[in-house]
Amino acid sequence: MRSVESISKRLIEAEKKSRQRTETSELFEYLSPAASLAQILTSLAIQTPERYEMTWEGGNKLPSASDAQKLRWLAPYRFHPERLDAIRQEWEESPHERDKLALHELDRLQPLMSL
């Protein structure tokens, strides 16, 4: 009987040790409208240790979009400039280079939105 007890104690200790792993927390969120619009305008995803945007292709380079496709994504904002102003504000406050590039691309495309 004693050998069974010692075996079970060793198994319990081994199980405890296997559970003592470092825990990682992963929070999956959908992209905000600003982040998804920035991805379309720049064809880039943010890949940093604190933020990793998943893409279908993998990596941080997305398929490039033509100006016509970009204008289709901007079309809903033509009649709601306050939404576009909020997105612009979010990009200006962002520390990521991708969002700065999206601002330049938006400035380039904005005159074409009114056509």
C-alpha atoms as a PDB file:
ATOM      1  CA  MET A   1       0.000   0.000   0.000  1.00  0.00           C
ATOM      2  CA  ARG A   2       2.846   2.313   0.765  1.00  0.00           C
ATOM      3  CA  SER A   3       4.258   2.108  -2.757  1.00  0.00           C
ATOM      4  CA  VAL A   4       0.920   3.165  -4.246  1.00  0.00           C
ATOM      5  CA  GLU A   5       0.860   6.198  -1.943  1.00  0.00           C
ATOM      6  CA  SER A   6       4.387   7.221  -2.914  1.00  0.00           C
ATOM      7  CA  ILE A   7       3.582   6.834  -6.611  1.00  0.00           C
ATOM      8  CA  SER A   8       0.418   8.930  -6.277  1.00  0.00           C
ATOM      9  CA  LYS A   9       2.352  11.616  -4.340  1.00  0.00           C
ATOM     10  CA  ARG A  10       4.981  11.746  -7.090  1.00  0.00           C
ATOM     11  CA  LEU A  11       2.279  12.002  -9.734  1.00  0.00           C
ATOM     12  CA  ILE A  12       0.589  14.842  -7.863  1.00  0.00           C
ATOM     13  CA  GLU A  13       3.918  16.711  -7.562  1.00  0.00           C
ATOM     14  CA  ALA A  14       4.661  16.191 -11.237  1.00  0.00           C
ATOM     15  CA  GLU A  15       1.208  17.536 -12.132  1.00  0.00           C
ATOM     16  CA  LYS A  16       1.743  20.630  -9.973  1.00  0.00           C
ATOM     17  CA  LYS A  17       5.077  21.319 -11.641  1.00  0.00           C
ATOM     18  CA  SER A  18       3.579  20.981 -15.105  1.00  0.00           C
ATOM     19  CA  ARG A  19       0.911  23.566 -14.236  1.00  0.00           C
ATOM     20  CA  GLN A  20       3.473  26.109 -13.069  1.00  0.00           C
ATOM     21  CA  ARG A  21       4.075  27.683 -16.427  1.00  0.00           C
ATOM     22  CA  THR A  22       4.172  31.319 -17.218  1.00  0.00           C
ATOM     23  CA  GLU A  23       0.767  32.599 -18.105  1.00  0.00           C
ATOM     24  CA  THR A  24       0.175  34.784 -21.091  1.00  0.00           C
ATOM     25  CA  SER A  25      -2.922  36.794 -21.555  1.00  0.00           C
ATOM     26  CA  GLU A  26      -4.288  37.240 -25.011  1.00  0.00           C
ATOM     27  CA  LEU A  27      -7.048  39.641 -25.742  1.00  0.00           C
ATOM     28  CA  PHE A  28      -8.641  39.397 -29.151  1.00  0.00           C
ATOM     29  CA  GLU A  29     -10.506  42.454 -30.331  1.00  0.00           C
ATOM     30  CA  TYR A  30     -11.990  43.486 -33.614  1.00  0.00           C
ATOM     31  CA  LEU A  31     -10.256  46.361 -35.301  1.00  0.00           C
ATOM     32  CA  SER A  32     -11.725  49.777 -34.692  1.00  0.00           C
ATOM     33  CA  PRO A  33     -13.026  51.673 -37.723  1.00  0.00           C
ATOM     34  CA  ALA A  34      -9.897  53.838 -37.577  1.00  0.00           C
ATOM     35  CA  ALA A  35      -7.554  50.836 -37.529  1.00  0.00           C
ATOM     36  CA  SER A  36      -9.340  49.013 -40.351  1.00  0.00           C
ATOM     37  CA  LEU A  37      -9.418  52.180 -42.486  1.00  0.00           C
ATOM     38  CA  ALA A  38      -5.702  52.721 -41.806  1.00  0.00           C
ATOM     39  CA  GLN A  39      -5.004  49.145 -42.910  1.00  0.00           C
ATOM     40  CA  ILE A  40      -6.856  49.722 -46.186  1.00  0.00           C
ATOM     41  CA  LEU A  41      -5.242  53.091 -46.908  1.00  0.00           C
ATOM     42  CA  THR A  42      -1.668  52.005 -46.142  1.00  0.00           C
ATOM     43  CA  SER A  43      -1.719  48.219 -46.745  1.00  0.00           C
ATOM     44  CA  LEU A  44       0.124  47.788 -43.434  1.00  0.00           C
ATOM     45  CA  ALA A  45      -0.703  46.061 -40.167  1.00  0.00           C
ATOM     46  CA  ILE A  46       0.812  46.916 -36.794  1.00  0.00           C
ATOM     47  CA  GLN A  47       3.118  44.242 -35.401  1.00  0.00           C
ATOM     48  CA  THR A  48       4.572  45.223 -32.021  1.00  0.00           C
ATOM     49  CA  PRO A  49       5.015  43.201 -28.808  1.00  0.00           C
ATOM     50  CA  GLU A  50       1.995  44.881 -27.231  1.00  0.00           C
ATOM     51  CA  ARG A  51      -0.192  44.909 -30.351  1.00  0.00           C
ATOM     52  CA  TYR A  52      -0.277  42.356 -33.146  1.00  0.00           C
ATOM     53  CA  GLU A  53      -2.865  42.788 -35.863  1.00  0.00           C
ATOM     54  CA  MET A  54      -3.682  39.492 -37.490  1.00  0.00           C
ATOM     55  CA  THR A  55      -4.115  39.382 -41.234  1.00  0.00           C
ATOM     56  CA  TRP A  56      -5.170  36.722 -43.701  1.00  0.00           C
ATOM     57  CA  GLU A  57      -1.864  36.873 -45.508  1.00  0.00           C
ATOM     58  CA  GLY A  58       0.360  36.824 -42.417  1.00  0.00           C
ATOM     59  CA  GLY A  59       3.083  39.327 -41.717  1.00  0.00           C
ATOM     60  CA  ASN A  60       2.490  43.048 -41.654  1.00  0.00           C
ATOM     61  CA  LYS A  61       2.174  43.647 -45.408  1.00  0.00           C
ATOM     62  CA  LEU A  62      -1.337  43.469 -46.832  1.00  0.00           C
ATOM     63  CA  PRO A  63      -2.371  43.370 -50.480  1.00  0.00           C
ATOM     64  CA  SER A  64      -2.277  46.897 -51.855  1.00  0.00           C
ATOM     65  CA  ALA A  65      -5.535  48.593 -52.717  1.00  0.00           C
ATOM     66  CA  SER A  66      -6.130  50.850 -55.677  1.00  0.00           C
ATOM     67  CA  ASP A  67      -7.334  54.410 -55.242  1.00  0.00           C
ATOM     68  CA  ALA A  68     -10.796  53.314 -56.389  1.00  0.00           C
ATOM     69  CA  GLN A  69     -10.962  50.695 -53.624  1.00  0.00           C
ATOM     70  CA  LYS A  70      -9.743  53.199 -51.066  1.00  0.00           C
ATOM     71  CA  LEU A  71     -12.395  55.690 -52.171  1.00  0.00           C
ATOM     72  CA  ARG A  72     -15.078  53.000 -51.777  1.00  0.00           C
ATOM     73  CA  TRP A  73     -13.943  52.510 -48.172  1.00  0.00           C
ATOM     74  CA  LEU A  74     -14.067  56.280 -47.631  1.00  0.00           C
ATOM     75  CA  ALA A  75     -17.498  56.697 -49.268  1.00  0.00           C
ATOM     76  CA  PRO A  76     -19.563  56.194 -46.070  1.00  0.00           C
ATOM     77  CA  TYR A  77     -17.653  59.045 -44.442  1.00  0.00           C
ATOM     78  CA  ARG A  78     -18.517  61.527 -47.180  1.00  0.00           C
ATOM     79  CA  PHE A  79     -21.886  62.282 -45.579  1.00  0.00           C
ATOM     80  CA  HIS A  80     -20.589  61.955 -42.002  1.00  0.00           C
ATOM     81  CA  PRO A  81     -17.501  64.181 -41.783  1.00  0.00           C
ATOM     82  CA  GLU A  82     -17.658  64.111 -37.968  1.00  0.00           C
ATOM     83  CA  ARG A  83     -16.798  60.385 -38.040  1.00  0.00           C
ATOM     84  CA  LEU A  84     -13.853  61.053 -40.315  1.00  0.00           C
ATOM     85  CA  ASP A  85     -12.719  63.851 -37.993  1.00  0.00           C
ATOM     86  CA  ALA A  86     -12.820  61.423 -35.039  1.00  0.00           C
ATOM     87  CA  ILE A  87     -10.738  58.903 -36.992  1.00  0.00           C
ATOM     88  CA  ARG A  88      -8.283  61.640 -37.968  1.00  0.00           C
ATOM     89  CA  GLN A  89      -7.986  62.647 -34.298  1.00  0.00           C
ATOM     90  CA  GLU A  90      -7.304  59.031 -33.295  1.00  0.00           C
ATOM     91  CA  TRP A  91      -4.577  58.748 -35.934  1.00  0.00           C
ATOM     92  CA  GLU A  92      -2.952  62.004 -34.829  1.00  0.00           C
ATOM     93  CA  GLU A  93      -2.768  60.743 -31.226  1.00  0.00           C
ATOM     94  CA  SER A  94      -1.465  57.304 -32.221  1.00  0.00           C
ATOM     95  CA  PRO A  95       2.236  56.501 -31.718  1.00  0.00           C
ATOM     96  CA  HIS A  96       2.283  54.100 -34.694  1.00  0.00           C
ATOM     97  CA  GLU A  97       3.897  55.046 -37.989  1.00  0.00           C
ATOM     98  CA  ARG A  98       1.120  53.303 -39.947  1.00  0.00           C
ATOM     99  CA  ASP A  99      -1.439  55.791 -38.639  1.00  0.00           C
ATOM    100  CA  LYS A 100       0.756  58.731 -39.663  1.00  0.00           C
ATOM    101  CA  LEU A 101       0.957  57.272 -43.166  1.00  0.00           C
ATOM    102  CA  ALA A 102      -2.826  56.868 -43.187  1.00  0.00           C
ATOM    103  CA  LEU A 103      -3.182  60.592 -42.409  1.00  0.00           C
ATOM    104  CA  HIS A 104      -1.077  61.484 -45.451  1.00  0.00           C
ATOM    105  CA  GLU A 105      -3.042  59.087 -47.640  1.00  0.00           C
ATOM    106  CA  LEU A 106      -6.343  60.520 -46.384  1.00  0.00           C
ATOM    107  CA  ASP A 107      -5.157  64.058 -47.158  1.00  0.00           C
ATOM    108  CA  ARG A 108      -4.239  62.916 -50.664  1.00  0.00           C
ATOM    109  CA  LEU A 109      -7.577  61.201 -51.294  1.00  0.00           C
ATOM    110  CA  GLN A 110      -9.913  63.693 -49.621  1.00  0.00           C
ATOM    111  CA  PRO A 111     -10.201  66.004 -52.667  1.00  0.00           C
ATOM    112  CA  LEU A 112     -11.208  62.983 -54.750  1.00  0.00           C
ATOM    113  CA  MET A 113     -14.002  62.069 -52.313  1.00  0.00           C
ATOM    114  CA  SER A 114     -16.107  65.038 -53.405  1.00  0.00           C
ATOM    115  CA  LEU A 115     -16.079  64.020 -57.078  1.00  0.00           C
END
